[in-house]
Amino acid sequence: MESNVLTDATVDNQDISEYVAHLQLHMTLQARNLVPNFKQTIQDSRQQLLHQTQAEFEKFASRQGL
């Protein structure tokens, strides 16, 4: 009877371990989809800064009659 209890507990632990591993994998994949790529973010922010600077310069130049 006691070996049956141990076997059931081992099976339950394996099931829980598999569930936790699956959950961790799922969470990791979700996190990859939610967090933007760092390099892409830097490139986008540089590009946005460049566009803003160009727009401001064009406004300044048009107001000064350059």
C-alpha atoms as a PDB file:
ATOM      1  CA  MET A   1       0.000   0.000   0.000  1.00  0.00           C
ATOM      2  CA  GLU A   2       2.825   2.382   0.887  1.00  0.00           C
ATOM      3  CA  SER A   3       4.610   1.806  -2.468  1.00  0.00           C
ATOM      4  CA  ASN A   4       1.386   2.736  -4.249  1.00  0.00           C
ATOM      5  CA  VAL A   5       1.296   6.044  -2.376  1.00  0.00           C
ATOM      6  CA  LEU A   6       4.926   6.726  -3.269  1.00  0.00           C
ATOM      7  CA  THR A   7       4.285   5.860  -6.924  1.00  0.00           C
ATOM      8  CA  ASP A   8       1.245   8.164  -7.032  1.00  0.00           C
ATOM      9  CA  ALA A   9       3.244  10.971  -5.408  1.00  0.00           C
ATOM     10  CA  THR A  10       6.048  10.499  -7.951  1.00  0.00           C
ATOM     11  CA  VAL A  11       3.589  10.624 -10.835  1.00  0.00           C
ATOM     12  CA  ASP A  12       1.982  13.765  -9.388  1.00  0.00           C
ATOM     13  CA  ASN A  13       5.420  15.399  -9.006  1.00  0.00           C
ATOM     14  CA  GLN A  14       6.286  14.525 -12.607  1.00  0.00           C
ATOM     15  CA  ASP A  15       2.983  15.960 -13.813  1.00  0.00           C
ATOM     16  CA  ILE A  16       3.578  19.147 -11.856  1.00  0.00           C
ATOM     17  CA  SER A  17       7.166  19.397 -13.132  1.00  0.00           C
ATOM     18  CA  GLU A  18       5.989  18.998 -16.729  1.00  0.00           C
ATOM     19  CA  TYR A  19       3.260  21.584 -16.188  1.00  0.00           C
ATOM     20  CA  VAL A  20       5.719  24.076 -14.687  1.00  0.00           C
ATOM     21  CA  ALA A  21       8.198  23.506 -17.545  1.00  0.00           C
ATOM     22  CA  HIS A  22       5.415  24.036 -20.095  1.00  0.00           C
ATOM     23  CA  LEU A  23       4.257  27.167 -18.284  1.00  0.00           C
ATOM     24  CA  GLN A  24       7.802  28.577 -18.190  1.00  0.00           C
ATOM     25  CA  LEU A  25       8.231  27.955 -21.909  1.00  0.00           C
ATOM     26  CA  HIS A  26       4.891  29.613 -22.651  1.00  0.00           C
ATOM     27  CA  MET A  27       5.756  32.633 -20.505  1.00  0.00           C
ATOM     28  CA  THR A  28       9.165  32.969 -22.194  1.00  0.00           C
ATOM     29  CA  LEU A  29       7.609  32.909 -25.646  1.00  0.00           C
ATOM     30  CA  GLN A  30       4.994  35.456 -24.593  1.00  0.00           C
ATOM     31  CA  ALA A  31       7.686  37.736 -23.153  1.00  0.00           C
ATOM     32  CA  ARG A  32       9.590  37.626 -26.445  1.00  0.00           C
ATOM     33  CA  ASN A  33       6.472  38.823 -28.242  1.00  0.00           C
ATOM     34  CA  LEU A  34       5.771  41.593 -25.746  1.00  0.00           C
ATOM     35  CA  VAL A  35       9.229  43.106 -25.349  1.00  0.00           C
ATOM     36  CA  PRO A  36      10.557  45.015 -28.354  1.00  0.00           C
ATOM     37  CA  ASN A  37      13.980  44.227 -29.692  1.00  0.00           C
ATOM     38  CA  PHE A  38      16.455  46.559 -27.952  1.00  0.00           C
ATOM     39  CA  LYS A  39      18.516  47.254 -31.083  1.00  0.00           C
ATOM     40  CA  GLN A  40      15.376  48.065 -33.044  1.00  0.00           C
ATOM     41  CA  THR A  41      14.262  50.476 -30.307  1.00  0.00           C
ATOM     42  CA  ILE A  42      17.592  52.323 -30.411  1.00  0.00           C
ATOM     43  CA  GLN A  43      17.496  52.534 -34.195  1.00  0.00           C
ATOM     44  CA  ASP A  44      13.883  53.777 -34.153  1.00  0.00           C
ATOM     45  CA  SER A  45      14.633  56.421 -31.518  1.00  0.00           C
ATOM     46  CA  ARG A  46      17.647  57.656 -33.510  1.00  0.00           C
ATOM     47  CA  GLN A  47      15.590  57.792 -36.665  1.00  0.00           C
ATOM     48  CA  GLN A  48      12.793  59.633 -34.853  1.00  0.00           C
ATOM     49  CA  LEU A  49      15.304  62.142 -33.435  1.00  0.00           C
ATOM     50  CA  LEU A  50      16.740  62.686 -36.913  1.00  0.00           C
ATOM     51  CA  HIS A  51      13.279  63.373 -38.365  1.00  0.00           C
ATOM     52  CA  GLN A  52      12.431  65.765 -35.535  1.00  0.00           C
ATOM     53  CA  THR A  53      15.714  67.632 -35.989  1.00  0.00           C
ATOM     54  CA  GLN A  54      15.193  67.915 -39.734  1.00  0.00           C
ATOM     55  CA  ALA A  55      11.625  69.171 -39.250  1.00  0.00           C
ATOM     56  CA  GLU A  56      12.733  71.766 -36.693  1.00  0.00           C
ATOM     57  CA  PHE A  57      15.573  72.933 -38.944  1.00  0.00           C
ATOM     58  CA  GLU A  58      13.200  73.266 -41.910  1.00  0.00           C
ATOM     59  CA  LYS A  59      10.759  75.312 -39.775  1.00  0.00           C
ATOM     60  CA  PHE A  60      13.618  77.533 -38.581  1.00  0.00           C
ATOM     61  CA  ALA A  61      14.965  77.966 -42.111  1.00  0.00           C
ATOM     62  CA  SER A  62      11.551  78.831 -43.534  1.00  0.00           C
ATOM     63  CA  ARG A  63      10.959  81.437 -40.808  1.00  0.00           C
ATOM     64  CA  GLN A  64      14.385  83.017 -41.360  1.00  0.00           C
ATOM     65  CA  GLY A  65      13.968  83.091 -45.124  1.00  0.00           C
ATOM     66  CA  LEU A  66      17.025  80.913 -45.744  1.00  0.00           C
END
